[in-house]
Structure formats: structure tokens, C-alpha cells
Amino acid sequence: MLAIKLSTPHAMMRTIKERFKTRRLERNLTQEGLANKSGVSLGSVKRFENSGQISLESLLKLAVILDCLDDFESILLREKNAFSSIDELLHSKKDTPKKRGAIK
């Protein structure tokens, strides 16, 4: 049986903010302590934990302090020869990745 996982941007934001808060608490840090150590404003930390809204740069600064920056390394990496369908396999190119998109 195939497992289908549907996620939305909002659901992912909620998951990420909850994981970051859990990690902060595991390290016995207050929001203010995390803000001071990371250089991210206290307001940004509070907004992130309440709504999930944060800039990418601030998120990465928090990840450094919470020792999870390396987790971002795998975002958008594709396993070599990982194909989602037989058609993708049959039509795959051995060329280097595109450097520009096309207008369609």
C-alpha cells in the first residue's frame, strides 16, 4: 500500500516552529536567551514561536544556536538516480543541471 503524505506550507510552518520551541526548551533556553545568543531580536523569536513567521536568515541563526543547522543542508537535494516515476527514469538526461528556467 502506498503512503501518501500531503503537507501544506502552513502545516510545515507549524511543525517547524514547534520543533524549534521544543529544541529551545530542551536546551533550557528562554526566548530572550535564544535571542541574545543568536543575534535575532526577541520580537522575531516570539513571532516565530507564535505564528511560524521568520526570515530565512533569522531561522538559520536560531538553527546554529540550537545545533540543527546541518539539517538544512539536505533541503532540495535529490538522491542520485532517485526517480518518482518510470517516465521520469526513461526521460532523464545525463547532462548537467539547467542554469536557467524556461518561460512557459
C-alpha atoms as a PDB file:
ATOM      1  CA  MET A   1       0.000   0.000   0.000  1.00  0.00           C
ATOM      2  CA  LEU A   2       1.307   3.454  -0.910  1.00  0.00           C
ATOM      3  CA  ALA A   3       1.700   6.028   1.822  1.00  0.00           C
ATOM      4  CA  ILE A   4       0.531   9.435   0.681  1.00  0.00           C
ATOM      5  CA  LYS A   5       1.718  12.388   2.674  1.00  0.00           C
ATOM      6  CA  LEU A   6       0.096  15.712   1.978  1.00  0.00           C
ATOM      7  CA  SER A   7       1.549  18.790   3.575  1.00  0.00           C
ATOM      8  CA  THR A   8       0.814  22.461   3.221  1.00  0.00           C
ATOM      9  CA  PRO A   9       3.098  25.433   3.809  1.00  0.00           C
ATOM     10  CA  HIS A  10       1.031  26.359   6.873  1.00  0.00           C
ATOM     11  CA  ALA A  11       1.295  22.856   8.322  1.00  0.00           C
ATOM     12  CA  MET A  12       5.052  22.805   7.700  1.00  0.00           C
ATOM     13  CA  MET A  13       5.457  26.202   9.407  1.00  0.00           C
ATOM     14  CA  ARG A  14       3.560  24.876  12.418  1.00  0.00           C
ATOM     15  CA  THR A  15       5.735  21.762  12.576  1.00  0.00           C
ATOM     16  CA  ILE A  16       8.985  23.724  12.272  1.00  0.00           C
ATOM     17  CA  LYS A  17       8.055  26.298  14.923  1.00  0.00           C
ATOM     18  CA  GLU A  18       7.019  23.530  17.335  1.00  0.00           C
ATOM     19  CA  ARG A  19      10.262  21.620  16.770  1.00  0.00           C
ATOM     20  CA  PHE A  20      12.355  24.735  17.299  1.00  0.00           C
ATOM     21  CA  LYS A  21      10.495  25.579  20.512  1.00  0.00           C
ATOM     22  CA  THR A  22      10.942  22.018  21.793  1.00  0.00           C
ATOM     23  CA  ARG A  23      14.638  22.161  20.984  1.00  0.00           C
ATOM     24  CA  ARG A  24      14.967  25.524  22.751  1.00  0.00           C
ATOM     25  CA  LEU A  25      13.290  24.169  25.876  1.00  0.00           C
ATOM     26  CA  GLU A  26      15.441  21.004  25.815  1.00  0.00           C
ATOM     27  CA  ARG A  27      18.457  23.291  25.992  1.00  0.00           C
ATOM     28  CA  ASN A  28      16.892  25.166  28.899  1.00  0.00           C
ATOM     29  CA  LEU A  29      16.878  28.465  26.990  1.00  0.00           C
ATOM     30  CA  THR A  30      14.327  31.218  27.362  1.00  0.00           C
ATOM     31  CA  GLN A  31      13.169  33.111  24.305  1.00  0.00           C
ATOM     32  CA  GLU A  32      15.281  36.024  25.496  1.00  0.00           C
ATOM     33  CA  GLY A  33      18.330  33.779  25.963  1.00  0.00           C
ATOM     34  CA  LEU A  34      17.936  32.369  22.457  1.00  0.00           C
ATOM     35  CA  ALA A  35      17.558  35.874  21.053  1.00  0.00           C
ATOM     36  CA  ASN A  36      20.700  37.092  22.824  1.00  0.00           C
ATOM     37  CA  LYS A  37      22.826  34.119  21.756  1.00  0.00           C
ATOM     38  CA  SER A  38      21.653  34.150  18.137  1.00  0.00           C
ATOM     39  CA  GLY A  39      21.532  37.871  17.435  1.00  0.00           C
ATOM     40  CA  VAL A  40      17.886  37.557  16.394  1.00  0.00           C
ATOM     41  CA  SER A  41      15.564  40.071  18.029  1.00  0.00           C
ATOM     42  CA  LEU A  42      13.357  38.884  20.873  1.00  0.00           C
ATOM     43  CA  GLY A  43      10.319  40.046  18.893  1.00  0.00           C
ATOM     44  CA  SER A  44      11.311  37.838  15.972  1.00  0.00           C
ATOM     45  CA  VAL A  45      11.767  34.815  18.252  1.00  0.00           C
ATOM     46  CA  LYS A  46       8.357  35.410  19.856  1.00  0.00           C
ATOM     47  CA  ARG A  47       6.661  35.922  16.482  1.00  0.00           C
ATOM     48  CA  PHE A  48       8.271  32.742  15.143  1.00  0.00           C
ATOM     49  CA  GLU A  49       7.119  30.633  18.082  1.00  0.00           C
ATOM     50  CA  ASN A  50       3.604  32.097  17.894  1.00  0.00           C
ATOM     51  CA  SER A  51       2.977  32.232  14.156  1.00  0.00           C
ATOM     52  CA  GLY A  52       5.851  30.463  12.399  1.00  0.00           C
ATOM     53  CA  GLN A  53       6.781  33.686  10.605  1.00  0.00           C
ATOM     54  CA  ILE A  54      10.535  34.378  10.426  1.00  0.00           C
ATOM     55  CA  SER A  55      13.126  35.361   7.831  1.00  0.00           C
ATOM     56  CA  LEU A  56      15.328  32.626   6.441  1.00  0.00           C
ATOM     57  CA  GLU A  57      18.445  34.342   7.796  1.00  0.00           C
ATOM     58  CA  SER A  58      16.978  34.532  11.309  1.00  0.00           C
ATOM     59  CA  LEU A  59      15.819  30.917  11.131  1.00  0.00           C
ATOM     60  CA  LEU A  60      19.337  29.819  10.221  1.00  0.00           C
ATOM     61  CA  LYS A  61      20.824  31.883  13.069  1.00  0.00           C
ATOM     62  CA  LEU A  62      18.478  30.129  15.510  1.00  0.00           C
ATOM     63  CA  ALA A  63      19.445  26.780  13.975  1.00  0.00           C
ATOM     64  CA  VAL A  64      23.117  27.488  14.708  1.00  0.00           C
ATOM     65  CA  ILE A  65      22.407  28.030  18.405  1.00  0.00           C
ATOM     66  CA  LEU A  66      20.053  25.040  18.578  1.00  0.00           C
ATOM     67  CA  ASP A  67      22.633  22.845  16.832  1.00  0.00           C
ATOM     68  CA  CYS A  68      20.475  21.902  13.862  1.00  0.00           C
ATOM     69  CA  LEU A  69      21.945  23.990  11.036  1.00  0.00           C
ATOM     70  CA  ASP A  70      23.210  20.855   9.278  1.00  0.00           C
ATOM     71  CA  ASP A  71      19.597  19.699   8.888  1.00  0.00           C
ATOM     72  CA  PHE A  72      19.111  22.465   6.313  1.00  0.00           C
ATOM     73  CA  GLU A  73      21.909  21.046   4.171  1.00  0.00           C
ATOM     74  CA  SER A  74      19.641  18.336   2.777  1.00  0.00           C
ATOM     75  CA  ILE A  75      16.854  20.677   1.648  1.00  0.00           C
ATOM     76  CA  LEU A  76      16.298  20.354  -2.100  1.00  0.00           C
ATOM     77  CA  LEU A  77      18.967  17.703  -2.504  1.00  0.00           C
ATOM     78  CA  ARG A  78      17.890  14.865  -4.671  1.00  0.00           C
ATOM     79  CA  GLU A  79      19.372  11.445  -4.359  1.00  0.00           C
ATOM     80  CA  LYS A  80      21.298  10.459  -7.425  1.00  0.00           C
ATOM     81  CA  ASN A  81      19.095   8.304  -9.631  1.00  0.00           C
ATOM     82  CA  ALA A  82      16.056   8.852  -7.416  1.00  0.00           C
ATOM     83  CA  PHE A  83      13.108   8.879  -9.789  1.00  0.00           C
ATOM     84  CA  SER A  84       9.486   9.321  -8.853  1.00  0.00           C
ATOM     85  CA  SER A  85       8.127   7.505 -11.902  1.00  0.00           C
ATOM     86  CA  ILE A  86       9.183   5.200 -14.725  1.00  0.00           C
ATOM     87  CA  ASP A  87       8.556   8.045 -17.187  1.00  0.00           C
ATOM     88  CA  GLU A  88      10.998  10.239 -15.292  1.00  0.00           C
ATOM     89  CA  LEU A  89      13.587   7.484 -15.471  1.00  0.00           C
ATOM     90  CA  LEU A  90      13.070   6.931 -19.196  1.00  0.00           C
ATOM     91  CA  HIS A  91      13.261  10.642 -19.988  1.00  0.00           C
ATOM     92  CA  SER A  92      16.111  11.518 -17.672  1.00  0.00           C
ATOM     93  CA  LYS A  93      19.092  13.332 -19.092  1.00  0.00           C
ATOM     94  CA  LYS A  94      22.673  12.706 -18.106  1.00  0.00           C
ATOM     95  CA  ASP A  95      23.522  16.391 -18.681  1.00  0.00           C
ATOM     96  CA  THR A  96      24.490  18.909 -16.045  1.00  0.00           C
ATOM     97  CA  PRO A  97      21.654  20.685 -14.255  1.00  0.00           C
ATOM     98  CA  LYS A  98      19.992  23.593 -16.015  1.00  0.00           C
ATOM     99  CA  LYS A  99      21.198  27.039 -15.083  1.00  0.00           C
ATOM    100  CA  ARG A 100      18.077  28.841 -16.281  1.00  0.00           C
ATOM    101  CA  GLY A 101      14.401  28.103 -16.408  1.00  0.00           C
ATOM    102  CA  ALA A 102      12.142  28.464 -19.402  1.00  0.00           C
ATOM    103  CA  ILE A 103       9.111  30.686 -19.829  1.00  0.00           C
ATOM    104  CA  LYS A 104       6.073  28.542 -20.480  1.00  0.00           C
END
